[in-house]
Amino acid sequence: MTGVSLLPELRYPTLAEMILSARALAAHRPGLCTLRQVGTSRGGRPLHLLSIGHASRAVLVVAGAHANEPTGSSTLLAVAERVLHEGDLRADISWHFLLCADPDGASLHVTPAPRSLFEYHLGFFRPAASEQPEWAPAALPPDRLPPETRALTRVIDELRPYLQVTLHGTDLGGSWVQLTRDVPGLAEPFAKSAAQLHIPVETGASDAAGWPAAGPGVHVMPAPGAGAAYPSMPDDARSSTWYHVHRYGGLTAVVEVPMWASDLVDDPAPHPDPARALRWLGGRLLRDALEVERVLAEALPRLDGVDGPLWRASKWALELVPGLAADWMHTPPADDTRAYVGSVDAFGRRLPLRAAAMLLRVLQETDDRAAPRLEHLVSTWSDAFAERFRARWVPLQHQVEHQSRTVVAAALHARDRAA
């Protein structure tokens, strides 16, 4: 893949750079490519769609649904370039690329080339569920959906894609795929690509707890009515924009790649006592969140009137903790493997760390005296996270290559499935 070559160095592109690159591609092949605005964010930022090819069967690729998962921006450009250069890929498929589903979020996550987990978290932003374009339908009534969500669903209604691929990622862990319907044959090229690029496959991803597996790391969402692995979690993937394509007979593939890899997340061996391990992890989650809440309680009288997406997202993350900890402590484990327990361990570290990181930015903006205490927590927890999981940086070109290969493989196998 050559998408990262559009940039002067190996780093994640900014939204402005993505738009410039898309304009250059469209200008280079005006008879084949178009770039148009398909909506406007809450903050007044445009949402752009790059389209390549004219076939009636469509693939929609979405980047930037989560601002803290930047690999998808480079992947989107890489896949667009490949489609332009390989005519076979557009012989009977038109490709459509939503450059960034959440441009407001992209403006707030500010680590284009992080050198450590600590640096990554110093610029961290991930909005509350109701402000995330893909997840808002699971948290809000239809008449309150944000404009980014409405723009995305309008694009789906227009294109009626047989496949939507949404590009996600994880800070530390492995790679996995979530499918709203099975795509036979996808597991093999996915696993082969990960092995070639030394990226572990996250076989027990907590995001897909309890889902059927079509192969290692390839998870198919359970049918409606299946019990939730985490009953407290307020969002249901079947209410998200991932399922909007189903009304046209399509499906969604969510492709996750890590920034830092851990070889501890692909161990399928049985854990000796998963229930006990999850009870301990639930207790640790409560203790870590309490440390953040203590800082918040001490600073709160000085933050009268403070509001904004960082503030709301930090509070939302903390509000998830009690229910999630209870799920782990009192619900039978959805999986008994070491990989799954490791994934829950990582999830339990992320939630208070992210809340602390976003609250830290709020306190720094107000020059609050509690900021150094939070910075110490963010630093300590980031280092402990990296050490526990033996984090190793995945070269950006490998992140992009693996995600791009998986996107193309999903498009071709899903096309054969739909034929």
Protein backbone atom coordinates (compact mmCIF):
# COMPACT_ATOMS: atom_id res chain seq x y z
CA MET A 1 0.00 0.00 0.00
CA THR A 2 1.22 3.53 -0.70
CA GLY A 3 -1.28 5.69 1.16
CA VAL A 4 1.17 6.91 3.78
CA SER A 5 3.48 8.19 1.01
CA LEU A 6 1.10 11.11 0.50
CA LEU A 7 2.53 12.57 3.70
CA PRO A 8 6.02 13.99 4.27
CA GLU A 9 6.69 11.56 7.15
CA LEU A 10 5.28 8.38 8.65
CA ARG A 11 2.60 9.77 10.92
CA TYR A 12 -1.17 9.90 11.06
CA PRO A 13 -2.57 12.58 8.73
CA THR A 14 -4.58 15.48 10.02
CA LEU A 15 -8.09 15.96 8.68
CA ALA A 16 -6.90 18.91 6.58
CA GLU A 17 -4.22 16.71 5.02
CA MET A 18 -6.76 13.99 4.30
CA ILE A 19 -8.99 16.46 2.47
CA LEU A 20 -6.03 17.78 0.46
CA SER A 21 -5.00 14.24 -0.48
CA ALA A 22 -8.56 13.36 -1.51
CA ARG A 23 -8.77 16.50 -3.65
CA ALA A 24 -5.51 15.58 -5.33
CA LEU A 25 -6.80 12.08 -6.14
CA ALA A 26 -10.06 13.47 -7.50
CA ALA A 27 -8.23 16.06 -9.61
CA HIS A 28 -5.89 13.40 -10.98
CA ARG A 29 -8.75 11.24 -12.28
CA PRO A 30 -11.76 13.56 -12.65
CA GLY A 31 -13.71 11.14 -14.83
CA LEU A 32 -13.39 8.43 -12.25
CA CYS A 33 -13.36 10.27 -8.92
CA THR A 34 -15.56 12.80 -7.21
CA LEU A 35 -15.20 14.57 -3.89
CA ARG A 36 -18.27 16.18 -2.38
CA GLN A 37 -19.59 17.46 0.89
CA VAL A 38 -22.31 15.24 2.37
CA GLY A 39 -22.97 17.00 5.65
CA THR A 40 -21.83 19.41 8.33
CA SER A 41 -20.80 18.62 11.88
CA ARG A 42 -22.21 20.18 15.03
CA GLY A 43 -19.18 22.45 15.04
CA GLY A 44 -19.70 23.53 11.43
CA ARG A 45 -17.01 21.33 9.89
CA PRO A 46 -17.74 19.68 6.52
CA LEU A 47 -18.03 15.93 6.04
CA HIS A 48 -16.53 14.79 2.74
CA LEU A 49 -17.18 11.71 0.60
CA LEU A 50 -14.65 10.56 -2.00
CA SER A 51 -16.18 8.26 -4.64
CA ILE A 52 -14.23 6.14 -7.14
CA GLY A 53 -15.89 4.22 -9.96
CA HIS A 54 -19.40 4.03 -11.33
CA ALA A 55 -20.56 0.44 -10.69
CA SER A 56 -23.93 0.03 -9.02
CA ARG A 57 -22.60 -2.34 -6.37
CA ALA A 58 -21.03 -0.16 -3.70
CA VAL A 59 -18.60 -0.42 -0.82
CA LEU A 60 -18.61 2.34 1.79
CA VAL A 61 -15.45 2.86 3.86
CA VAL A 62 -15.77 5.04 6.98
CA ALA A 63 -12.81 6.55 8.83
CA GLY A 64 -12.67 8.68 11.94
CA ALA A 65 -15.70 7.32 13.79
CA HIS A 66 -13.55 7.39 16.95
CA ALA A 67 -11.08 10.26 17.07
CA ASN A 68 -8.61 8.32 19.24
CA GLU A 69 -8.23 5.58 16.60
CA PRO A 70 -6.17 7.34 13.92
CA THR A 71 -4.93 4.46 11.76
CA GLY A 72 -8.08 4.50 9.66
CA SER A 73 -7.24 7.88 8.16
CA SER A 74 -4.05 6.52 6.62
CA THR A 75 -5.80 3.29 5.62
CA LEU A 76 -8.60 5.11 3.83
CA LEU A 77 -6.09 6.98 1.64
CA ALA A 78 -4.13 3.79 1.00
CA VAL A 79 -7.21 1.85 -0.13
CA ALA A 80 -8.36 4.75 -2.32
CA GLU A 81 -4.98 4.80 -4.06
CA ARG A 82 -5.03 1.04 -4.56
CA VAL A 83 -8.52 1.17 -6.08
CA LEU A 84 -7.35 3.88 -8.48
CA HIS A 85 -4.32 1.87 -9.57
CA GLU A 86 -5.97 -1.58 -9.79
CA GLY A 87 -8.79 -1.56 -12.27
CA ASP A 88 -9.94 -5.05 -11.29
CA LEU A 89 -11.02 -3.69 -7.90
CA ARG A 90 -13.48 -1.29 -9.51
CA ALA A 91 -14.58 -3.43 -12.44
CA ASP A 92 -17.89 -4.21 -10.75
CA ILE A 93 -17.59 -2.23 -7.49
CA SER A 94 -17.79 1.48 -6.83
CA TRP A 95 -15.88 2.61 -3.76
CA HIS A 96 -16.94 5.44 -1.49
CA PHE A 97 -14.83 6.87 1.31
CA LEU A 98 -16.22 9.01 4.16
CA LEU A 99 -13.03 10.84 5.08
CA CYS A 100 -13.95 11.44 8.70
CA ALA A 101 -17.23 10.64 10.44
CA ASP A 102 -16.44 12.93 13.39
CA PRO A 103 -14.41 15.98 12.32
CA ASP A 104 -15.13 17.75 15.61
CA GLY A 105 -13.66 14.83 17.51
CA ALA A 106 -10.66 14.76 15.18
CA SER A 107 -9.95 18.37 16.13
CA LEU A 108 -9.71 17.39 19.80
CA HIS A 109 -7.55 14.27 19.66
CA VAL A 110 -4.07 15.68 19.22
CA THR A 111 -1.42 12.95 19.00
CA PRO A 112 -0.57 12.51 15.30
CA ALA A 113 2.71 10.65 16.03
CA PRO A 114 2.71 9.42 19.65
CA ARG A 115 6.01 8.04 20.94
CA SER A 116 4.55 6.42 24.06
CA LEU A 117 1.22 5.52 25.62
CA PHE A 118 1.69 8.44 27.99
CA GLU A 119 2.10 10.90 25.13
CA TYR A 120 -0.89 9.34 23.37
CA HIS A 121 -3.04 9.93 26.44
CA LEU A 122 -1.87 13.51 26.93
CA GLY A 123 -3.79 14.37 23.76
CA PHE A 124 -6.58 11.86 24.22
CA PHE A 125 -10.22 12.42 23.29
CA ARG A 126 -13.10 10.02 22.78
CA PRO A 127 -16.62 11.46 23.11
CA ALA A 128 -19.47 10.12 25.17
CA ALA A 129 -21.58 7.50 23.37
CA SER A 130 -24.40 9.92 22.58
CA GLU A 131 -21.90 12.16 20.74
CA GLN A 132 -20.31 9.36 18.69
CA PRO A 133 -21.70 9.25 15.12
CA GLU A 134 -21.97 5.46 14.91
CA TRP A 135 -23.25 4.87 18.46
CA ALA A 136 -25.63 7.80 18.88
CA PRO A 137 -28.66 5.81 17.61
CA ALA A 138 -28.12 3.37 20.47
CA ALA A 139 -28.18 6.20 23.01
CA LEU A 140 -30.59 8.80 21.62
CA PRO A 141 -34.10 8.92 20.13
CA PRO A 142 -34.26 9.49 16.35
CA ASP A 143 -35.24 13.16 16.64
CA ARG A 144 -32.11 13.96 18.66
CA LEU A 145 -29.46 12.32 16.49
CA PRO A 146 -26.41 14.50 15.76
CA PRO A 147 -25.87 15.79 12.21
CA GLU A 148 -22.86 13.52 11.72
CA THR A 149 -25.06 10.46 12.27
CA ARG A 150 -27.73 11.77 9.94
CA ALA A 151 -25.11 12.45 7.25
CA LEU A 152 -23.75 8.91 7.53
CA THR A 153 -27.17 7.28 7.31
CA ARG A 154 -28.09 9.50 4.33
CA VAL A 155 -24.99 8.26 2.53
CA ILE A 156 -25.97 4.66 3.30
CA ASP A 157 -29.51 5.32 2.06
CA GLU A 158 -28.15 6.79 -1.16
CA LEU A 159 -25.49 4.16 -1.90
CA ARG A 160 -27.20 1.07 -0.49
CA PRO A 161 -23.79 -0.59 -0.10
CA TYR A 162 -23.50 -4.36 0.03
CA LEU A 163 -20.63 -3.72 2.48
CA GLN A 164 -19.80 -0.95 4.88
CA VAL A 165 -16.30 -1.11 6.37
CA THR A 166 -15.67 1.08 9.37
CA LEU A 167 -12.03 1.57 10.32
CA HIS A 168 -11.29 1.30 14.02
CA GLY A 169 -8.30 0.57 16.18
CA THR A 170 -6.98 -0.04 19.65
CA ASP A 171 -4.20 1.65 21.54
CA LEU A 172 -2.60 -1.59 22.79
CA GLY A 173 -3.51 -5.17 21.97
CA GLY A 174 -4.14 -7.04 18.74
CA SER A 175 -6.22 -7.01 15.59
CA TRP A 176 -9.72 -8.36 15.18
CA VAL A 177 -12.80 -8.00 12.96
CA GLN A 178 -16.45 -7.64 13.95
CA LEU A 179 -19.08 -8.55 11.38
CA THR A 180 -22.80 -7.88 11.48
CA ARG A 181 -23.17 -10.92 9.19
CA ASP A 182 -20.68 -13.64 8.41
CA VAL A 183 -18.35 -13.21 5.43
CA PRO A 184 -17.21 -16.74 4.53
CA GLY A 185 -13.55 -16.92 3.61
CA LEU A 186 -12.46 -13.68 5.32
CA ALA A 187 -10.78 -15.33 8.31
CA GLU A 188 -7.98 -16.88 6.22
CA PRO A 189 -6.59 -13.73 4.52
CA PHE A 190 -7.07 -11.77 7.76
CA ALA A 191 -4.99 -14.26 9.75
CA LYS A 192 -2.36 -14.56 7.00
CA SER A 193 -1.90 -10.79 6.81
CA ALA A 194 -1.58 -10.46 10.59
CA ALA A 195 1.02 -13.24 10.72
CA GLN A 196 3.09 -11.75 7.88
CA LEU A 197 3.18 -8.36 9.59
CA HIS A 198 3.75 -9.72 13.11
CA ILE A 199 0.50 -8.31 14.43
CA PRO A 200 -1.19 -10.50 17.05
CA VAL A 201 -4.78 -11.57 16.52
CA GLU A 202 -6.96 -10.71 19.50
CA THR A 203 -8.88 -13.95 19.81
CA GLY A 204 -10.79 -12.98 22.97
CA ALA A 205 -11.56 -9.31 22.35
CA SER A 206 -13.78 -7.98 25.14
CA ASP A 207 -15.58 -5.83 22.55
CA ALA A 208 -16.94 -9.07 21.07
CA ALA A 209 -17.45 -11.00 24.30
CA GLY A 210 -19.78 -13.93 23.78
CA TRP A 211 -20.01 -13.55 19.99
CA PRO A 212 -19.65 -16.54 17.66
CA ALA A 213 -16.28 -16.76 15.91
CA ALA A 214 -15.93 -17.40 12.17
CA GLY A 215 -12.20 -17.87 12.73
CA PRO A 216 -9.52 -16.58 15.10
CA GLY A 217 -10.19 -12.89 15.68
CA VAL A 218 -13.19 -12.77 13.32
CA HIS A 219 -16.37 -12.30 15.34
CA VAL A 220 -19.96 -12.37 14.07
CA MET A 221 -22.52 -10.37 16.03
CA PRO A 222 -25.12 -12.57 17.71
CA ALA A 223 -28.72 -12.56 16.57
CA PRO A 224 -31.18 -10.13 18.14
CA GLY A 225 -32.35 -11.38 21.51
CA ALA A 226 -29.02 -12.89 22.52
CA GLY A 227 -27.99 -12.02 26.04
CA ALA A 228 -25.41 -9.27 26.52
CA ALA A 229 -22.06 -10.25 28.02
CA TYR A 230 -22.05 -6.94 29.93
CA PRO A 231 -25.66 -6.19 30.91
CA SER A 232 -24.81 -2.75 32.28
CA MET A 233 -23.44 -1.36 29.04
CA PRO A 234 -26.02 1.05 27.60
CA ASP A 235 -25.15 0.67 23.92
CA ASP A 236 -26.28 -2.12 21.63
CA ALA A 237 -24.44 -2.59 18.35
CA ARG A 238 -27.68 -3.66 16.72
CA SER A 239 -29.00 -0.13 17.24
CA SER A 240 -25.89 1.52 15.77
CA THR A 241 -25.28 2.72 12.21
CA TRP A 242 -23.50 -0.58 11.62
CA TYR A 243 -26.92 -2.16 11.17
CA HIS A 244 -28.37 0.57 8.96
CA VAL A 245 -27.00 -1.23 5.88
CA HIS A 246 -29.07 -4.32 6.71
CA ARG A 247 -32.22 -2.68 5.39
CA TYR A 248 -30.60 -2.90 1.94
CA GLY A 249 -29.31 -6.44 2.37
CA GLY A 250 -25.79 -5.30 3.24
CA LEU A 251 -23.50 -5.87 6.19
CA THR A 252 -20.83 -4.03 8.15
CA ALA A 253 -17.26 -5.09 8.89
CA VAL A 254 -15.45 -3.32 11.73
CA VAL A 255 -11.69 -3.71 11.26
CA GLU A 256 -9.54 -3.11 14.34
CA VAL A 257 -5.75 -2.75 14.36
CA PRO A 258 -3.39 -1.92 17.24
CA MET A 259 -0.98 0.99 17.53
CA TRP A 260 1.06 -0.94 20.06
CA ALA A 261 0.92 -4.73 19.93
CA SER A 262 0.85 -7.22 22.77
CA ASP A 263 1.61 -10.87 22.21
CA LEU A 264 -0.41 -11.68 25.33
CA VAL A 265 -3.82 -11.17 23.68
CA ASP A 266 -3.86 -14.15 21.33
CA ASP A 267 -3.42 -16.99 23.85
CA PRO A 268 -6.37 -19.39 23.40
CA ALA A 269 -5.34 -21.56 26.35
CA PRO A 270 -7.91 -21.91 29.14
CA HIS A 271 -7.44 -19.55 32.07
CA PRO A 272 -7.13 -21.47 35.37
CA ASP A 273 -9.82 -19.39 37.11
CA PRO A 274 -11.43 -16.76 34.85
CA ALA A 275 -14.27 -15.92 37.26
CA ARG A 276 -11.85 -15.13 40.06
CA ALA A 277 -9.64 -13.11 37.71
CA LEU A 278 -12.62 -11.02 36.53
CA ARG A 279 -13.72 -10.39 40.11
CA TRP A 280 -10.27 -9.04 40.88
CA LEU A 281 -10.24 -6.91 37.73
CA GLY A 282 -13.66 -5.51 38.64
CA GLY A 283 -12.34 -4.51 42.05
CA ARG A 284 -9.30 -2.86 40.54
CA LEU A 285 -11.49 -0.94 38.11
CA LEU A 286 -13.51 0.46 41.02
CA ARG A 287 -10.35 1.43 42.92
CA ASP A 288 -8.75 3.17 39.93
CA ALA A 289 -11.91 5.07 39.08
CA LEU A 290 -12.20 6.19 42.71
CA GLU A 291 -8.76 7.82 42.45
CA VAL A 292 -9.96 9.90 39.50
CA GLU A 293 -13.23 10.73 41.25
CA ARG A 294 -11.34 11.99 44.31
CA VAL A 295 -9.41 14.46 42.18
CA LEU A 296 -12.62 15.47 40.45
CA ALA A 297 -14.45 16.00 43.75
CA GLU A 298 -11.61 18.16 45.08
CA ALA A 299 -11.47 20.30 41.91
CA LEU A 300 -15.21 20.47 41.26
CA PRO A 301 -15.94 23.60 43.35
CA ARG A 302 -13.37 25.45 41.24
CA LEU A 303 -14.87 24.22 37.94
CA ASP A 304 -18.27 25.88 38.24
CA GLY A 305 -19.68 26.42 34.77
CA VAL A 306 -17.06 24.28 33.03
CA ASP A 307 -18.55 22.25 30.19
CA GLY A 308 -17.49 20.86 26.85
CA PRO A 309 -16.86 17.56 25.11
CA LEU A 310 -13.77 16.64 27.18
CA TRP A 311 -15.65 17.25 30.41
CA ARG A 312 -18.72 15.31 29.28
CA ALA A 313 -16.65 12.40 27.97
CA SER A 314 -14.63 12.10 31.17
CA LYS A 315 -17.75 12.04 33.33
CA TRP A 316 -19.42 9.53 30.97
CA ALA A 317 -16.43 7.16 31.23
CA LEU A 318 -16.56 7.30 35.03
CA GLU A 319 -20.31 6.67 35.02
CA LEU A 320 -19.75 3.37 33.17
CA VAL A 321 -17.47 1.98 35.86
CA PRO A 322 -19.83 0.76 38.62
CA GLY A 323 -22.06 -1.25 36.29
CA LEU A 324 -19.17 -2.69 34.31
CA ALA A 325 -17.32 -3.71 37.46
CA ALA A 326 -20.48 -5.41 38.70
CA ASP A 327 -20.81 -7.26 35.40
CA TRP A 328 -17.29 -8.66 35.76
CA MET A 329 -17.70 -9.50 39.42
CA HIS A 330 -21.14 -11.14 39.30
CA THR A 331 -21.79 -12.38 35.73
CA PRO A 332 -20.27 -15.66 34.51
CA PRO A 333 -17.34 -14.99 32.15
CA ALA A 334 -18.27 -14.89 28.47
CA ASP A 335 -15.04 -16.72 27.63
CA ASP A 336 -12.61 -18.82 29.67
CA THR A 337 -9.40 -18.17 27.71
CA ARG A 338 -6.30 -16.32 28.81
CA ALA A 339 -6.78 -14.05 25.79
CA TYR A 340 -10.21 -12.95 26.99
CA VAL A 341 -9.09 -12.29 30.55
CA GLY A 342 -6.18 -10.29 29.15
CA SER A 343 -8.55 -8.25 26.98
CA VAL A 344 -10.74 -7.50 30.01
CA ASP A 345 -7.61 -6.52 31.93
CA ALA A 346 -6.76 -4.03 29.17
CA PHE A 347 -10.34 -2.70 29.05
CA GLY A 348 -10.27 -2.18 32.81
CA ARG A 349 -7.06 -0.19 32.55
CA ARG A 350 -8.32 1.97 29.69
CA LEU A 351 -11.53 3.29 31.21
CA PRO A 352 -10.14 5.16 34.26
CA LEU A 353 -7.00 6.09 32.34
CA ARG A 354 -9.01 7.75 29.60
CA ALA A 355 -11.26 9.51 32.11
CA ALA A 356 -8.17 10.80 33.90
CA ALA A 357 -6.52 11.90 30.66
CA MET A 358 -9.52 13.91 29.47
CA LEU A 359 -10.14 15.43 32.90
CA LEU A 360 -6.44 16.36 33.00
CA ARG A 361 -6.87 18.39 29.83
CA VAL A 362 -9.86 20.18 31.39
CA LEU A 363 -7.85 21.02 34.50
CA GLN A 364 -4.86 22.17 32.45
CA GLU A 365 -7.08 24.51 30.44
CA THR A 366 -8.25 26.13 33.70
CA ASP A 367 -4.75 25.99 35.26
CA ASP A 368 -6.23 24.08 38.20
CA ARG A 369 -3.88 23.08 41.01
CA ALA A 370 -5.12 19.45 40.91
CA ALA A 371 -3.73 18.92 37.40
CA PRO A 372 -0.30 17.59 38.56
CA ARG A 373 -2.01 14.83 40.59
CA LEU A 374 -3.92 13.68 37.53
CA GLU A 375 -0.86 13.90 35.31
CA HIS A 376 0.94 11.59 37.73
CA LEU A 377 -1.93 9.09 37.48
CA VAL A 378 -1.96 9.24 33.69
CA SER A 379 1.81 8.74 33.57
CA THR A 380 1.86 5.90 36.09
CA TRP A 381 -1.07 4.04 34.56
CA SER A 382 0.22 4.46 30.99
CA ASP A 383 3.60 3.01 31.97
CA ALA A 384 2.01 0.14 33.91
CA PHE A 385 -0.27 -0.66 30.97
CA ALA A 386 2.66 -0.80 28.55
CA GLU A 387 4.78 -2.87 30.94
CA ARG A 388 2.05 -5.37 31.82
CA PHE A 389 1.30 -6.10 28.16
CA ARG A 390 4.90 -5.83 26.90
CA ALA A 391 3.86 -3.18 24.41
CA ARG A 392 5.74 -2.94 21.13
CA TRP A 393 5.06 -0.30 18.52
CA VAL A 394 3.56 -1.57 15.28
CA PRO A 395 5.18 0.36 12.42
CA LEU A 396 2.60 2.66 10.87
CA GLN A 397 3.06 1.12 7.46
CA HIS A 398 2.22 -2.30 8.95
CA GLN A 399 -0.88 -0.96 10.69
CA VAL A 400 -2.07 0.47 7.39
CA GLU A 401 -1.06 -2.52 5.27
CA HIS A 402 -2.91 -4.99 7.47
CA GLN A 403 -6.05 -2.89 7.75
CA SER A 404 -6.02 -2.18 4.00
CA ARG A 405 -5.60 -5.83 3.09
CA THR A 406 -8.50 -6.72 5.37
CA VAL A 407 -10.73 -4.04 3.82
CA VAL A 408 -10.07 -5.33 0.30
CA ALA A 409 -10.48 -8.97 1.34
CA ALA A 410 -13.79 -8.15 3.04
CA ALA A 411 -15.02 -6.34 -0.07
CA LEU A 412 -14.17 -9.23 -2.39
CA HIS A 413 -15.49 -12.00 -0.14
CA ALA A 414 -18.66 -10.09 0.71
CA ARG A 415 -19.21 -9.45 -3.01
CA ASP A 416 -19.05 -13.18 -3.65
CA ARG A 417 -21.43 -13.75 -0.74
CA ALA A 418 -23.93 -11.24 -2.17
CA ALA A 419 -23.69 -12.53 -5.74
